[in-house]
Amino acid sequence: MEWILQTLMMMGAAAASIFIQRDSPNFEVVQGMMAILALVGCVLLITFAFRKK
């Protein structure tokens, strides 16, 4: 279960570094928000991939 969180946080860090600098005081907040967005995106991709037409 821990690897899922680590993967999401790495994806969030990569996305957050596009918007703000890594040494910014609120980088962790933006990283968390981007990780949540990545989780929502993955769930949506899985949902649309396995839906019945």
PDB file of N, CA and C in Angstrom:
ATOM      1  N   MET A   1       0.813  -1.183   0.000  1.00  0.00           N
ATOM      2  CA  MET A   1       0.000   0.000   0.000  1.00  0.00           C
ATOM      3  C   MET A   1       0.867   1.260   0.000  1.00  0.00           C
ATOM      4  N   GLU A   2       2.034   1.154   0.616  1.00  0.00           N
ATOM      5  CA  GLU A   2       2.918   2.312   0.704  1.00  0.00           C
ATOM      6  C   GLU A   2       3.458   2.721  -0.665  1.00  0.00           C
ATOM      7  N   TRP A   3       3.666   1.759  -1.554  1.00  0.00           N
ATOM      8  CA  TRP A   3       4.207   2.070  -2.876  1.00  0.00           C
ATOM      9  C   TRP A   3       3.226   2.907  -3.690  1.00  0.00           C
ATOM     10  N   ILE A   4       1.934   2.731  -3.458  1.00  0.00           N
ATOM     11  CA  ILE A   4       0.941   3.544  -4.170  1.00  0.00           C
ATOM     12  C   ILE A   4       1.080   5.006  -3.761  1.00  0.00           C
ATOM     13  N   LEU A   5       1.197   5.244  -2.467  1.00  0.00           N
ATOM     14  CA  LEU A   5       1.345   6.609  -1.968  1.00  0.00           C
ATOM     15  C   LEU A   5       2.648   7.230  -2.451  1.00  0.00           C
ATOM     16  N   GLN A   6       3.725   6.476  -2.429  1.00  0.00           N
ATOM     17  CA  GLN A   6       5.002   6.998  -2.901  1.00  0.00           C
ATOM     18  C   GLN A   6       4.952   7.340  -4.383  1.00  0.00           C
ATOM     19  N   THR A   7       4.293   6.506  -5.169  1.00  0.00           N
ATOM     20  CA  THR A   7       4.162   6.775  -6.601  1.00  0.00           C
ATOM     21  C   THR A   7       3.342   8.024  -6.846  1.00  0.00           C
ATOM     22  N   LEU A   8       2.230   8.160  -6.125  1.00  0.00           N
ATOM     23  CA  LEU A   8       1.394   9.353  -6.275  1.00  0.00           C
ATOM     24  C   LEU A   8       2.134  10.616  -5.850  1.00  0.00           C
ATOM     25  N   MET A   9       2.919  10.531  -4.775  1.00  0.00           N
ATOM     26  CA  MET A   9       3.656  11.704  -4.325  1.00  0.00           C
ATOM     27  C   MET A   9       4.769  12.061  -5.303  1.00  0.00           C
ATOM     28  N   MET A  10       5.387  11.074  -5.945  1.00  0.00           N
ATOM     29  CA  MET A  10       6.395  11.370  -6.971  1.00  0.00           C
ATOM     30  C   MET A  10       5.743  12.044  -8.175  1.00  0.00           C
ATOM     31  N   MET A  11       4.561  11.551  -8.565  1.00  0.00           N
ATOM     32  CA  MET A  11       3.845  12.189  -9.660  1.00  0.00           C
ATOM     33  C   MET A  11       3.432  13.606  -9.284  1.00  0.00           C
ATOM     34  N   GLY A  12       3.006  13.776  -8.035  1.00  0.00           N
ATOM     35  CA  GLY A  12       2.639  15.106  -7.557  1.00  0.00           C
ATOM     36  C   GLY A  12       3.823  16.049  -7.499  1.00  0.00           C
ATOM     37  N   ALA A  13       4.978  15.539  -7.117  1.00  0.00           N
ATOM     38  CA  ALA A  13       6.179  16.374  -7.064  1.00  0.00           C
ATOM     39  C   ALA A  13       6.594  16.819  -8.455  1.00  0.00           C
ATOM     40  N   ALA A  14       6.488  15.909  -9.415  1.00  0.00           N
ATOM     41  CA  ALA A  14       6.846  16.277 -10.786  1.00  0.00           C
ATOM     42  C   ALA A  14       5.899  17.330 -11.338  1.00  0.00           C
ATOM     43  N   ALA A  15       4.613  17.180 -11.061  1.00  0.00           N
ATOM     44  CA  ALA A  15       3.636  18.155 -11.550  1.00  0.00           C
ATOM     45  C   ALA A  15       3.761  19.485 -10.809  1.00  0.00           C
ATOM     46  N   ALA A  16       4.025  19.436  -9.512  1.00  0.00           N
ATOM     47  CA  ALA A  16       4.140  20.666  -8.730  1.00  0.00           C
ATOM     48  C   ALA A  16       5.383  21.452  -9.104  1.00  0.00           C
ATOM     49  N   SER A  17       6.439  20.766  -9.503  1.00  0.00           N
ATOM     50  CA  SER A  17       7.668  21.476  -9.861  1.00  0.00           C
ATOM     51  C   SER A  17       7.508  22.278 -11.148  1.00  0.00           C
ATOM     52  N   ILE A  18       6.465  21.967 -11.922  1.00  0.00           N
ATOM     53  CA  ILE A  18       6.180  22.772 -13.114  1.00  0.00           C
ATOM     54  C   ILE A  18       5.661  24.149 -12.698  1.00  0.00           C
ATOM     55  N   PHE A  19       4.884  24.186 -11.618  1.00  0.00           N
ATOM     56  CA  PHE A  19       4.208  25.412 -11.211  1.00  0.00           C
ATOM     57  C   PHE A  19       4.996  26.258 -10.221  1.00  0.00           C
ATOM     58  N   ILE A  20       5.693  25.625  -9.271  1.00  0.00           N
ATOM     59  CA  ILE A  20       6.439  26.380  -8.262  1.00  0.00           C
ATOM     60  C   ILE A  20       7.819  25.750  -8.074  1.00  0.00           C
ATOM     61  N   GLN A  21       8.705  26.500  -7.428  1.00  0.00           N
ATOM     62  CA  GLN A  21      10.058  26.009  -7.150  1.00  0.00           C
ATOM     63  C   GLN A  21      10.029  24.993  -6.013  1.00  0.00           C
ATOM     64  N   ARG A  22      10.957  24.035  -6.050  1.00  0.00           N
ATOM     65  CA  ARG A  22      11.002  22.994  -5.016  1.00  0.00           C
ATOM     66  C   ARG A  22      11.350  23.537  -3.635  1.00  0.00           C
ATOM     67  N   ASP A  23      12.042  24.663  -3.549  1.00  0.00           N
ATOM     68  CA  ASP A  23      12.401  25.208  -2.247  1.00  0.00           C
ATOM     69  C   ASP A  23      11.371  26.200  -1.722  1.00  0.00           C
ATOM     70  N   SER A  24      10.233  26.291  -2.370  1.00  0.00           N
ATOM     71  CA  SER A  24       9.146  27.160  -1.915  1.00  0.00           C
ATOM     72  C   SER A  24       8.566  26.607  -0.610  1.00  0.00           C
ATOM     73  N   PRO A  25       8.141  27.483   0.295  1.00  0.00           N
ATOM     74  CA  PRO A  25       7.637  26.990   1.582  1.00  0.00           C
ATOM     75  C   PRO A  25       6.351  26.162   1.476  1.00  0.00           C
ATOM     76  N   ASN A  26       5.570  26.361   0.444  1.00  0.00           N
ATOM     77  CA  ASN A  26       4.326  25.603   0.331  1.00  0.00           C
ATOM     78  C   ASN A  26       4.391  24.539  -0.758  1.00  0.00           C
ATOM     79  N   PHE A  27       5.584  24.051  -1.057  1.00  0.00           N
ATOM     80  CA  PHE A  27       5.741  23.026  -2.090  1.00  0.00           C
ATOM     81  C   PHE A  27       5.023  21.743  -1.705  1.00  0.00           C
ATOM     82  N   GLU A  28       5.084  21.350  -0.439  1.00  0.00           N
ATOM     83  CA  GLU A  28       4.441  20.118  -0.003  1.00  0.00           C
ATOM     84  C   GLU A  28       2.927  20.191  -0.150  1.00  0.00           C
ATOM     85  N   VAL A  29       2.355  21.369   0.058  1.00  0.00           N
ATOM     86  CA  VAL A  29       0.909  21.535  -0.093  1.00  0.00           C
ATOM     87  C   VAL A  29       0.511  21.343  -1.555  1.00  0.00           C
ATOM     88  N   VAL A  30       1.247  21.989  -2.448  1.00  0.00           N
ATOM     89  CA  VAL A  30       0.956  21.867  -3.870  1.00  0.00           C
ATOM     90  C   VAL A  30       1.237  20.441  -4.337  1.00  0.00           C
ATOM     91  N   GLN A  31       2.263  19.814  -3.807  1.00  0.00           N
ATOM     92  CA  GLN A  31       2.569  18.430  -4.147  1.00  0.00           C
ATOM     93  C   GLN A  31       1.424  17.514  -3.737  1.00  0.00           C
ATOM     94  N   GLY A  32       0.872  17.730  -2.569  1.00  0.00           N
ATOM     95  CA  GLY A  32      -0.271  16.933  -2.115  1.00  0.00           C
ATOM     96  C   GLY A  32      -1.492  17.126  -2.993  1.00  0.00           C
ATOM     97  N   MET A  33      -1.744  18.373  -3.390  1.00  0.00           N
ATOM     98  CA  MET A  33      -2.881  18.636  -4.270  1.00  0.00           C
ATOM     99  C   MET A  33      -2.693  17.959  -5.621  1.00  0.00           C
ATOM    100  N   MET A  34      -1.487  18.012  -6.150  1.00  0.00           N
ATOM    101  CA  MET A  34      -1.213  17.363  -7.432  1.00  0.00           C
ATOM    102  C   MET A  34      -1.294  15.839  -7.311  1.00  0.00           C
ATOM    103  N   ALA A  35      -0.912  15.294  -6.158  1.00  0.00           N
ATOM    104  CA  ALA A  35      -1.034  13.847  -5.951  1.00  0.00           C
ATOM    105  C   ALA A  35      -2.500  13.433  -5.925  1.00  0.00           C
ATOM    106  N   ILE A  36      -3.348  14.255  -5.316  1.00  0.00           N
ATOM    107  CA  ILE A  36      -4.779  13.965  -5.299  1.00  0.00           C
ATOM    108  C   ILE A  36      -5.336  14.029  -6.713  1.00  0.00           C
ATOM    109  N   LEU A  37      -4.916  15.019  -7.482  1.00  0.00           N
ATOM    110  CA  LEU A  37      -5.357  15.109  -8.875  1.00  0.00           C
ATOM    111  C   LEU A  37      -4.884  13.906  -9.688  1.00  0.00           C
ATOM    112  N   ALA A  38      -3.684  13.438  -9.431  1.00  0.00           N
ATOM    113  CA  ALA A  38      -3.174  12.255 -10.130  1.00  0.00           C
ATOM    114  C   ALA A  38      -3.997  11.019  -9.763  1.00  0.00           C
ATOM    115  N   LEU A  39      -4.376  10.899  -8.496  1.00  0.00           N
ATOM    116  CA  LEU A  39      -5.206   9.778  -8.075  1.00  0.00           C
ATOM    117  C   LEU A  39      -6.564   9.821  -8.755  1.00  0.00           C
ATOM    118  N   VAL A  40      -7.176  10.992  -8.804  1.00  0.00           N
ATOM    119  CA  VAL A  40      -8.467  11.139  -9.462  1.00  0.00           C
ATOM    120  C   VAL A  40      -8.347  10.821 -10.951  1.00  0.00           C
ATOM    121  N   GLY A  41      -7.276  11.281 -11.575  1.00  0.00           N
ATOM    122  CA  GLY A  41      -7.065  10.987 -12.991  1.00  0.00           C
ATOM    123  C   GLY A  41      -6.900   9.502 -13.253  1.00  0.00           C
ATOM    124  N   CYS A  42      -6.157   8.811 -12.406  1.00  0.00           N
ATOM    125  CA  CYS A  42      -5.977   7.361 -12.578  1.00  0.00           C
ATOM    126  C   CYS A  42      -7.289   6.617 -12.400  1.00  0.00           C
ATOM    127  N   VAL A  43      -8.085   7.024 -11.419  1.00  0.00           N
ATOM    128  CA  VAL A  43      -9.379   6.383 -11.205  1.00  0.00           C
ATOM    129  C   VAL A  43     -10.294   6.615 -12.402  1.00  0.00           C
ATOM    130  N   LEU A  44     -10.288   7.826 -12.952  1.00  0.00           N
ATOM    131  CA  LEU A  44     -11.111   8.112 -14.124  1.00  0.00           C
ATOM    132  C   LEU A  44     -10.660   7.304 -15.335  1.00  0.00           C
ATOM    133  N   LEU A  45      -9.359   7.190 -15.538  1.00  0.00           N
ATOM    134  CA  LEU A  45      -8.859   6.382 -16.651  1.00  0.00           C
ATOM    135  C   LEU A  45      -9.280   4.921 -16.524  1.00  0.00           C
ATOM    136  N   ILE A  46      -9.177   4.379 -15.333  1.00  0.00           N
ATOM    137  CA  ILE A  46      -9.577   2.991 -15.114  1.00  0.00           C
ATOM    138  C   ILE A  46     -11.079   2.838 -15.314  1.00  0.00           C
ATOM    139  N   THR A  47     -11.847   3.802 -14.828  1.00  0.00           N
ATOM    140  CA  THR A  47     -13.299   3.742 -14.967  1.00  0.00           C
ATOM    141  C   THR A  47     -13.713   3.764 -16.429  1.00  0.00           C
ATOM    142  N   PHE A  48     -13.148   4.666 -17.204  1.00  0.00           N
ATOM    143  CA  PHE A  48     -13.508   4.757 -18.608  1.00  0.00           C
ATOM    144  C   PHE A  48     -12.971   3.596 -19.432  1.00  0.00           C
ATOM    145  N   ALA A  49     -11.882   2.998 -18.991  1.00  0.00           N
ATOM    146  CA  ALA A  49     -11.308   1.872 -19.736  1.00  0.00           C
ATOM    147  C   ALA A  49     -12.158   0.606 -19.594  1.00  0.00           C
ATOM    148  N   PHE A  50     -12.788   0.427 -18.444  1.00  0.00           N
ATOM    149  CA  PHE A  50     -13.527  -0.807 -18.188  1.00  0.00           C
ATOM    150  C   PHE A  50     -15.038  -0.643 -18.219  1.00  0.00           C
ATOM    151  N   ARG A  51     -15.537   0.467 -18.706  1.00  0.00           N
ATOM    152  CA  ARG A  51     -16.993   0.635 -18.769  1.00  0.00           C
ATOM    153  C   ARG A  51     -17.558  -0.159 -19.951  1.00  0.00           C
ATOM    154  N   LYS A  52     -18.795  -0.533 -19.802  1.00  0.00           N
ATOM    155  CA  LYS A  52     -19.463  -1.289 -20.858  1.00  0.00           C
ATOM    156  C   LYS A  52     -20.158  -0.312 -21.789  1.00  0.00           C
ATOM    157  N   LYS A  53     -20.070  -0.589 -23.062  1.00  0.00           N
ATOM    158  CA  LYS A  53     -20.672   0.317 -24.038  1.00  0.00           C
ATOM    159  C   LYS A  53     -22.027  -0.172 -24.496  1.00  0.00           C
TER     160      LYS A  53
END
